[in-house]
């Protein structure tokens, strides 16, 4: 009987930027292996256990806001596997709105604005510069 060779597992790891609905989400792969090369990257972006992408650092534009359980499975040249799952937050974009009374007049006119901006749900991402 000969010696048995056991290879080490890789370590799956990634980071994703939290984004607003309609913006590109960037996934940064930080997976490592001390025993052999990582040859396979299987990304599941929505927790349905179906591979959505095979890239090293993929991007995705989500079509709905919410929290998505994202999974990265990596495999080495020896068939050793590791998996990492993390939530990715996709926030709704706010709708910037305002109203004003007393919109006409001469110099020294003071125009008070009433903020009526809203967000359907989620966390407020940003409003364009100059609104506040």
N, C-alpha and C. Protein backbone atom coordinates (compact mmCIF):
# COMPACT_ATOMS: atom_id res chain seq x y z
N UNK A 1 0.84 -1.18 0.00
CA UNK A 1 0.00 0.00 0.00
C UNK A 1 0.89 1.24 0.00
N UNK A 2 0.57 2.21 -0.89
CA UNK A 2 1.38 3.41 -1.01
C UNK A 2 0.87 4.53 -0.11
N UNK A 3 1.59 5.65 -0.14
CA UNK A 3 1.18 6.78 0.69
C UNK A 3 -0.11 7.42 0.15
N UNK A 4 -0.84 8.02 1.04
CA UNK A 4 -2.07 8.73 0.69
C UNK A 4 -1.77 10.22 0.67
N UNK A 5 -2.15 10.90 -0.41
CA UNK A 5 -1.91 12.33 -0.54
C UNK A 5 -3.23 13.07 -0.36
N UNK A 6 -3.31 13.91 0.64
CA UNK A 6 -4.51 14.69 0.91
C UNK A 6 -4.20 16.16 0.62
N UNK A 7 -4.99 16.76 -0.27
CA UNK A 7 -4.79 18.17 -0.63
C UNK A 7 -5.66 19.05 0.25
N UNK A 8 -5.17 20.25 0.48
CA UNK A 8 -5.90 21.22 1.31
C UNK A 8 -7.03 21.88 0.54
N UNK A 9 -8.05 22.28 1.26
CA UNK A 9 -9.17 22.99 0.65
C UNK A 9 -8.80 24.45 0.39
N UNK A 10 -9.36 25.03 -0.65
CA UNK A 10 -9.20 26.48 -0.85
C UNK A 10 -10.07 27.22 0.15
N UNK A 11 -9.91 28.53 0.20
CA UNK A 11 -10.75 29.37 1.05
C UNK A 11 -11.51 30.34 0.14
N UNK A 12 -12.82 30.18 0.08
CA UNK A 12 -13.67 31.07 -0.72
C UNK A 12 -13.91 32.35 0.08
N UNK A 13 -13.78 33.50 -0.59
CA UNK A 13 -14.04 34.77 0.08
C UNK A 13 -14.30 35.83 -0.99
N UNK A 14 -15.22 36.73 -0.71
CA UNK A 14 -15.51 37.81 -1.64
C UNK A 14 -16.14 38.98 -0.90
N UNK A 15 -16.18 40.11 -1.59
CA UNK A 15 -16.84 41.31 -1.09
C UNK A 15 -17.67 41.88 -2.22
N UNK A 16 -18.83 42.42 -1.89
CA UNK A 16 -19.69 43.07 -2.87
C UNK A 16 -20.09 44.43 -2.33
N UNK A 17 -20.05 45.44 -3.19
CA UNK A 17 -20.49 46.75 -2.75
C UNK A 17 -22.02 46.78 -2.68
N UNK A 18 -22.55 47.40 -1.63
CA UNK A 18 -23.99 47.61 -1.55
C UNK A 18 -24.34 48.72 -2.52
N UNK A 19 -25.39 48.51 -3.28
CA UNK A 19 -25.72 49.46 -4.33
C UNK A 19 -27.18 49.87 -4.28
N UNK A 20 -27.50 50.80 -5.14
CA UNK A 20 -28.88 51.21 -5.35
C UNK A 20 -29.44 50.45 -6.53
N UNK A 21 -30.73 50.27 -6.53
CA UNK A 21 -31.42 49.60 -7.62
C UNK A 21 -31.06 50.26 -8.95
N UNK A 22 -30.67 49.45 -9.92
CA UNK A 22 -30.30 49.95 -11.23
C UNK A 22 -28.82 50.23 -11.39
N UNK A 23 -28.07 50.29 -10.30
CA UNK A 23 -26.63 50.50 -10.37
C UNK A 23 -25.92 49.15 -10.47
N UNK A 24 -24.70 49.17 -10.96
CA UNK A 24 -23.91 47.95 -11.10
C UNK A 24 -23.34 47.54 -9.75
N UNK A 25 -23.53 46.26 -9.40
CA UNK A 25 -22.92 45.69 -8.20
C UNK A 25 -21.63 45.00 -8.63
N UNK A 26 -20.52 45.39 -7.99
CA UNK A 26 -19.21 44.80 -8.28
C UNK A 26 -18.86 43.77 -7.22
N UNK A 27 -18.48 42.59 -7.65
CA UNK A 27 -18.06 41.52 -6.75
C UNK A 27 -16.55 41.38 -6.84
N UNK A 28 -15.87 41.48 -5.69
CA UNK A 28 -14.43 41.34 -5.63
C UNK A 28 -14.09 40.00 -5.00
N UNK A 29 -13.37 39.17 -5.74
CA UNK A 29 -13.02 37.83 -5.31
C UNK A 29 -11.71 37.86 -4.53
N UNK A 30 -11.74 37.37 -3.31
CA UNK A 30 -10.55 37.30 -2.46
C UNK A 30 -10.22 35.86 -2.08
N UNK A 31 -10.64 34.90 -2.88
CA UNK A 31 -10.43 33.49 -2.59
C UNK A 31 -8.95 33.14 -2.72
N UNK A 32 -8.51 32.19 -1.90
CA UNK A 32 -7.11 31.78 -1.90
C UNK A 32 -6.99 30.27 -1.82
N UNK A 33 -5.82 29.79 -2.22
CA UNK A 33 -5.49 28.38 -2.08
C UNK A 33 -4.00 28.26 -1.83
N UNK A 34 -3.65 27.49 -0.82
CA UNK A 34 -2.24 27.22 -0.53
C UNK A 34 -1.80 25.88 -1.10
N UNK A 35 -2.74 25.15 -1.72
CA UNK A 35 -2.44 23.84 -2.28
C UNK A 35 -3.12 23.69 -3.64
N UNK A 36 -2.43 24.14 -4.66
CA UNK A 36 -2.98 24.05 -6.01
C UNK A 36 -3.70 25.33 -6.43
N UNK A 37 -3.93 25.44 -7.72
CA UNK A 37 -4.59 26.62 -8.29
C UNK A 37 -6.10 26.48 -8.20
N UNK A 38 -6.77 27.62 -7.98
CA UNK A 38 -8.23 27.63 -8.06
C UNK A 38 -8.57 27.70 -9.55
N UNK A 39 -9.37 26.74 -9.99
CA UNK A 39 -9.70 26.64 -11.41
C UNK A 39 -11.16 26.94 -11.73
N UNK A 40 -12.02 26.94 -10.72
CA UNK A 40 -13.45 27.13 -10.95
C UNK A 40 -14.03 28.12 -9.95
N UNK A 41 -14.83 29.06 -10.47
CA UNK A 41 -15.53 30.05 -9.66
C UNK A 41 -17.01 29.97 -10.03
N UNK A 42 -17.84 29.50 -9.12
CA UNK A 42 -19.28 29.36 -9.37
C UNK A 42 -20.04 30.36 -8.50
N UNK A 43 -20.68 31.34 -9.12
CA UNK A 43 -21.41 32.39 -8.41
C UNK A 43 -22.91 32.16 -8.51
N UNK A 44 -23.59 32.22 -7.37
CA UNK A 44 -25.06 32.20 -7.30
C UNK A 44 -25.46 33.53 -6.66
N UNK A 45 -26.05 34.43 -7.44
CA UNK A 45 -26.33 35.78 -6.97
C UNK A 45 -27.63 35.94 -6.20
N UNK A 46 -28.51 34.93 -6.21
CA UNK A 46 -29.82 35.12 -5.58
C UNK A 46 -30.26 33.99 -4.67
N UNK A 47 -29.37 33.09 -4.29
CA UNK A 47 -29.70 32.06 -3.32
C UNK A 47 -30.59 30.94 -3.84
N UNK A 48 -30.68 30.76 -5.18
CA UNK A 48 -31.52 29.69 -5.71
C UNK A 48 -30.73 28.41 -6.02
N UNK A 49 -29.44 28.39 -5.67
CA UNK A 49 -28.54 27.25 -5.89
C UNK A 49 -28.35 26.93 -7.37
N UNK A 50 -28.51 27.93 -8.22
CA UNK A 50 -28.22 27.79 -9.65
C UNK A 50 -27.07 28.74 -9.98
N UNK A 51 -26.03 28.21 -10.63
CA UNK A 51 -24.88 29.03 -10.98
C UNK A 51 -25.29 30.11 -11.98
N UNK A 52 -24.99 31.38 -11.63
CA UNK A 52 -25.34 32.52 -12.48
C UNK A 52 -24.16 33.08 -13.24
N UNK A 53 -22.92 32.80 -12.78
CA UNK A 53 -21.75 33.39 -13.40
C UNK A 53 -20.53 32.54 -13.07
N UNK A 54 -19.54 32.55 -13.98
CA UNK A 54 -18.30 31.78 -13.80
C UNK A 54 -17.06 32.67 -13.76
N UNK A 55 -17.23 33.99 -13.74
CA UNK A 55 -16.11 34.93 -13.79
C UNK A 55 -15.38 35.03 -12.46
N UNK A 56 -14.17 35.54 -12.51
CA UNK A 56 -13.38 35.76 -11.30
C UNK A 56 -13.96 36.92 -10.48
N UNK A 57 -14.15 38.07 -11.12
CA UNK A 57 -14.74 39.27 -10.49
C UNK A 57 -15.95 39.72 -11.30
N UNK A 58 -17.11 39.12 -11.12
CA UNK A 58 -18.26 39.48 -11.95
C UNK A 58 -18.92 40.78 -11.51
N UNK A 59 -19.80 41.28 -12.37
CA UNK A 59 -20.66 42.43 -12.06
C UNK A 59 -22.09 42.02 -12.37
N UNK A 60 -23.03 42.71 -11.72
CA UNK A 60 -24.44 42.40 -11.94
C UNK A 60 -25.26 43.65 -11.64
N UNK A 61 -26.31 43.86 -12.42
CA UNK A 61 -27.28 44.92 -12.14
C UNK A 61 -28.58 44.24 -11.73
N UNK A 62 -28.93 44.38 -10.45
CA UNK A 62 -30.16 43.76 -9.93
C UNK A 62 -31.38 44.51 -10.45
N UNK A 63 -32.48 43.79 -10.64
CA UNK A 63 -33.70 44.39 -11.18
C UNK A 63 -34.75 44.70 -10.11
N UNK A 64 -34.45 44.36 -8.86
CA UNK A 64 -35.36 44.66 -7.75
C UNK A 64 -34.52 44.91 -6.50
N UNK A 65 -34.99 45.81 -5.66
CA UNK A 65 -34.26 46.04 -4.41
C UNK A 65 -34.55 44.92 -3.43
N UNK A 66 -33.66 44.76 -2.46
CA UNK A 66 -33.82 43.72 -1.46
C UNK A 66 -32.47 43.21 -0.98
N UNK A 67 -32.50 42.13 -0.22
CA UNK A 67 -31.30 41.48 0.27
C UNK A 67 -31.16 40.16 -0.47
N UNK A 68 -30.01 39.96 -1.10
CA UNK A 68 -29.77 38.76 -1.90
C UNK A 68 -28.65 37.95 -1.27
N UNK A 69 -28.91 36.68 -0.95
CA UNK A 69 -27.88 35.79 -0.44
C UNK A 69 -27.03 35.34 -1.62
N UNK A 70 -25.78 35.77 -1.65
CA UNK A 70 -24.87 35.48 -2.74
C UNK A 70 -23.87 34.43 -2.29
N UNK A 71 -23.63 33.45 -3.16
CA UNK A 71 -22.74 32.35 -2.82
C UNK A 71 -21.64 32.24 -3.88
N UNK A 72 -20.41 32.05 -3.40
CA UNK A 72 -19.27 31.76 -4.26
C UNK A 72 -18.72 30.39 -3.88
N UNK A 73 -18.64 29.50 -4.85
CA UNK A 73 -18.03 28.19 -4.64
C UNK A 73 -16.77 28.14 -5.50
N UNK A 74 -15.64 27.81 -4.86
CA UNK A 74 -14.37 27.70 -5.58
C UNK A 74 -13.88 26.26 -5.52
N UNK A 75 -13.15 25.87 -6.58
CA UNK A 75 -12.61 24.51 -6.65
C UNK A 75 -11.19 24.58 -7.19
N UNK A 76 -10.31 23.77 -6.60
CA UNK A 76 -8.92 23.74 -7.05
C UNK A 76 -8.74 22.70 -8.15
N UNK A 77 -7.54 22.68 -8.70
CA UNK A 77 -7.19 21.71 -9.74
C UNK A 77 -7.29 20.27 -9.23
N UNK A 78 -7.28 20.08 -7.92
CA UNK A 78 -7.37 18.74 -7.33
C UNK A 78 -8.81 18.36 -6.97
N UNK A 79 -9.76 19.25 -7.24
CA UNK A 79 -11.16 18.95 -6.94
C UNK A 79 -11.58 19.32 -5.53
N UNK A 80 -10.72 19.99 -4.79
CA UNK A 80 -11.07 20.42 -3.43
C UNK A 80 -11.94 21.68 -3.53
N UNK A 81 -12.97 21.75 -2.67
CA UNK A 81 -14.01 22.77 -2.79
C UNK A 81 -14.20 23.52 -1.47
N UNK A 82 -14.57 24.81 -1.59
CA UNK A 82 -14.98 25.60 -0.44
C UNK A 82 -16.05 26.58 -0.90
N UNK A 83 -16.95 26.95 0.01
CA UNK A 83 -18.08 27.82 -0.31
C UNK A 83 -18.17 28.95 0.72
N UNK A 84 -18.52 30.15 0.23
CA UNK A 84 -18.77 31.30 1.11
C UNK A 84 -20.08 31.94 0.66
N UNK A 85 -20.97 32.25 1.61
CA UNK A 85 -22.23 32.94 1.32
C UNK A 85 -22.30 34.22 2.14
N UNK A 86 -22.76 35.31 1.49
CA UNK A 86 -22.90 36.60 2.16
C UNK A 86 -24.12 37.32 1.60
N UNK A 87 -24.76 38.18 2.42
CA UNK A 87 -25.86 38.98 1.88
C UNK A 87 -25.34 40.17 1.08
N UNK A 88 -26.05 40.50 0.02
CA UNK A 88 -25.77 41.69 -0.78
C UNK A 88 -27.02 42.57 -0.69
N UNK A 89 -26.82 43.84 -0.35
CA UNK A 89 -27.93 44.77 -0.15
C UNK A 89 -28.11 45.65 -1.39
N UNK A 90 -29.31 45.63 -1.95
CA UNK A 90 -29.67 46.48 -3.09
C UNK A 90 -30.78 47.40 -2.61
N UNK A 91 -30.46 48.68 -2.50
CA UNK A 91 -31.39 49.66 -1.94
C UNK A 91 -32.21 50.35 -3.02
N UNK A 92 -33.44 50.70 -2.67
CA UNK A 92 -34.30 51.46 -3.58
C UNK A 92 -33.74 52.87 -3.73
N UNK A 93 -33.92 53.45 -4.91
CA UNK A 93 -33.49 54.84 -5.12
C UNK A 93 -34.61 55.78 -4.69
N UNK A 94 -34.26 56.89 -4.09
CA UNK A 94 -35.28 57.87 -3.69
C UNK A 94 -35.77 58.66 -4.90
N UNK A 95 -36.94 59.22 -4.75
CA UNK A 95 -37.50 60.13 -5.76
C UNK A 95 -37.41 61.53 -5.17
N UNK A 96 -36.62 62.37 -5.82
CA UNK A 96 -36.43 63.74 -5.33
C UNK A 96 -37.58 64.62 -5.83
N UNK A 97 -38.30 65.22 -4.88
CA UNK A 97 -39.42 66.11 -5.23
C UNK A 97 -39.47 67.27 -4.24
N UNK A 98 -39.92 68.40 -4.73
CA UNK A 98 -40.15 69.53 -3.83
C UNK A 98 -41.22 70.43 -4.44
N UNK A 99 -41.84 71.19 -3.60
CA UNK A 99 -42.83 72.18 -4.04
C UNK A 99 -42.42 73.53 -3.46
N UNK A 100 -42.95 74.56 -4.08
CA UNK A 100 -42.64 75.91 -3.61
C UNK A 100 -43.89 76.77 -3.73
N UNK A 101 -44.11 77.58 -2.72
CA UNK A 101 -45.16 78.59 -2.78
C UNK A 101 -44.47 79.92 -3.08
N UNK A 102 -45.22 80.89 -3.51
CA UNK A 102 -44.65 82.22 -3.75
C UNK A 102 -43.48 82.11 -4.73
N UNK A 103 -43.76 81.66 -5.99
CA UNK A 103 -42.72 81.40 -6.98
C UNK A 103 -42.41 82.59 -7.88
N UNK A 104 -43.07 83.71 -7.71
CA UNK A 104 -42.81 84.87 -8.55
C UNK A 104 -42.62 86.10 -7.68
N UNK A 105 -41.80 87.01 -8.16
CA UNK A 105 -41.60 88.25 -7.41
C UNK A 105 -40.38 88.99 -7.90
N UNK A 106 -40.05 90.02 -7.21
CA UNK A 106 -38.92 90.86 -7.53
C UNK A 106 -37.74 90.50 -6.62
N UNK A 107 -36.55 91.08 -6.88
CA UNK A 107 -35.40 90.80 -6.01
C UNK A 107 -35.75 90.98 -4.54
N UNK A 108 -35.12 90.17 -3.77
CA UNK A 108 -35.36 90.01 -2.33
C UNK A 108 -36.51 89.03 -2.08
N UNK A 109 -37.02 88.41 -3.15
CA UNK A 109 -38.08 87.42 -3.01
C UNK A 109 -37.52 86.22 -2.25
N UNK A 110 -38.22 85.80 -1.24
CA UNK A 110 -37.84 84.61 -0.46
C UNK A 110 -38.79 83.49 -0.88
N UNK A 111 -38.22 82.40 -1.41
CA UNK A 111 -39.04 81.28 -1.87
C UNK A 111 -38.81 80.10 -0.93
N UNK A 112 -39.80 79.77 -0.11
CA UNK A 112 -39.66 78.60 0.76
C UNK A 112 -39.99 77.32 -0.03
N UNK A 113 -39.17 76.33 0.12
CA UNK A 113 -39.37 75.05 -0.54
C UNK A 113 -39.83 74.02 0.48
N UNK A 114 -40.73 73.15 0.05
CA UNK A 114 -41.21 72.05 0.90
C UNK A 114 -40.70 70.74 0.30
N UNK A 115 -39.91 70.02 1.06
CA UNK A 115 -39.37 68.74 0.62
C UNK A 115 -40.48 67.69 0.62
N UNK A 116 -40.72 67.04 -0.51
CA UNK A 116 -41.67 65.94 -0.58
C UNK A 116 -41.02 64.71 -1.21
N UNK A 117 -39.71 64.60 -1.06
CA UNK A 117 -38.97 63.44 -1.57
C UNK A 117 -39.39 62.21 -0.80
N UNK A 118 -39.31 61.07 -1.47
CA UNK A 118 -39.70 59.83 -0.81
C UNK A 118 -38.90 58.65 -1.37
N UNK A 119 -38.98 57.56 -0.66
CA UNK A 119 -38.39 56.30 -1.10
C UNK A 119 -39.44 55.23 -0.86
N UNK A 120 -39.63 54.34 -1.84
CA UNK A 120 -40.67 53.32 -1.71
C UNK A 120 -40.40 52.37 -0.55
N UNK A 121 -39.20 51.87 -0.44
CA UNK A 121 -38.78 51.04 0.69
C UNK A 121 -37.28 50.88 0.63
N UNK A 122 -36.70 50.36 1.67
CA UNK A 122 -35.25 50.20 1.71
C UNK A 122 -34.59 51.39 2.35
N UNK A 123 -33.30 51.48 2.14
CA UNK A 123 -32.49 52.55 2.71
C UNK A 123 -32.23 53.60 1.65
N UNK A 124 -32.27 54.86 2.04
CA UNK A 124 -32.03 55.95 1.13
C UNK A 124 -30.59 55.90 0.63
N UNK A 125 -30.40 55.85 -0.68
CA UNK A 125 -29.05 55.78 -1.25
C UNK A 125 -28.44 57.17 -1.35
N UNK A 126 -29.02 58.02 -2.15
CA UNK A 126 -28.48 59.36 -2.31
C UNK A 126 -29.49 60.21 -3.06
N UNK A 127 -29.32 61.49 -2.96
CA UNK A 127 -30.07 62.43 -3.77
C UNK A 127 -29.03 63.26 -4.54
N UNK A 128 -29.36 63.70 -5.74
CA UNK A 128 -28.40 64.47 -6.53
C UNK A 128 -27.95 65.73 -5.78
N UNK A 129 -26.72 66.13 -6.02
CA UNK A 129 -26.17 67.33 -5.39
C UNK A 129 -27.02 68.54 -5.77
N UNK A 130 -27.15 69.47 -4.85
CA UNK A 130 -27.87 70.70 -5.13
C UNK A 130 -29.32 70.69 -4.67
N UNK A 131 -29.80 69.53 -4.21
CA UNK A 131 -31.18 69.49 -3.74
C UNK A 131 -31.30 69.94 -2.29
N UNK A 132 -30.22 69.96 -1.55
CA UNK A 132 -30.32 70.31 -0.13
C UNK A 132 -29.45 71.48 0.19
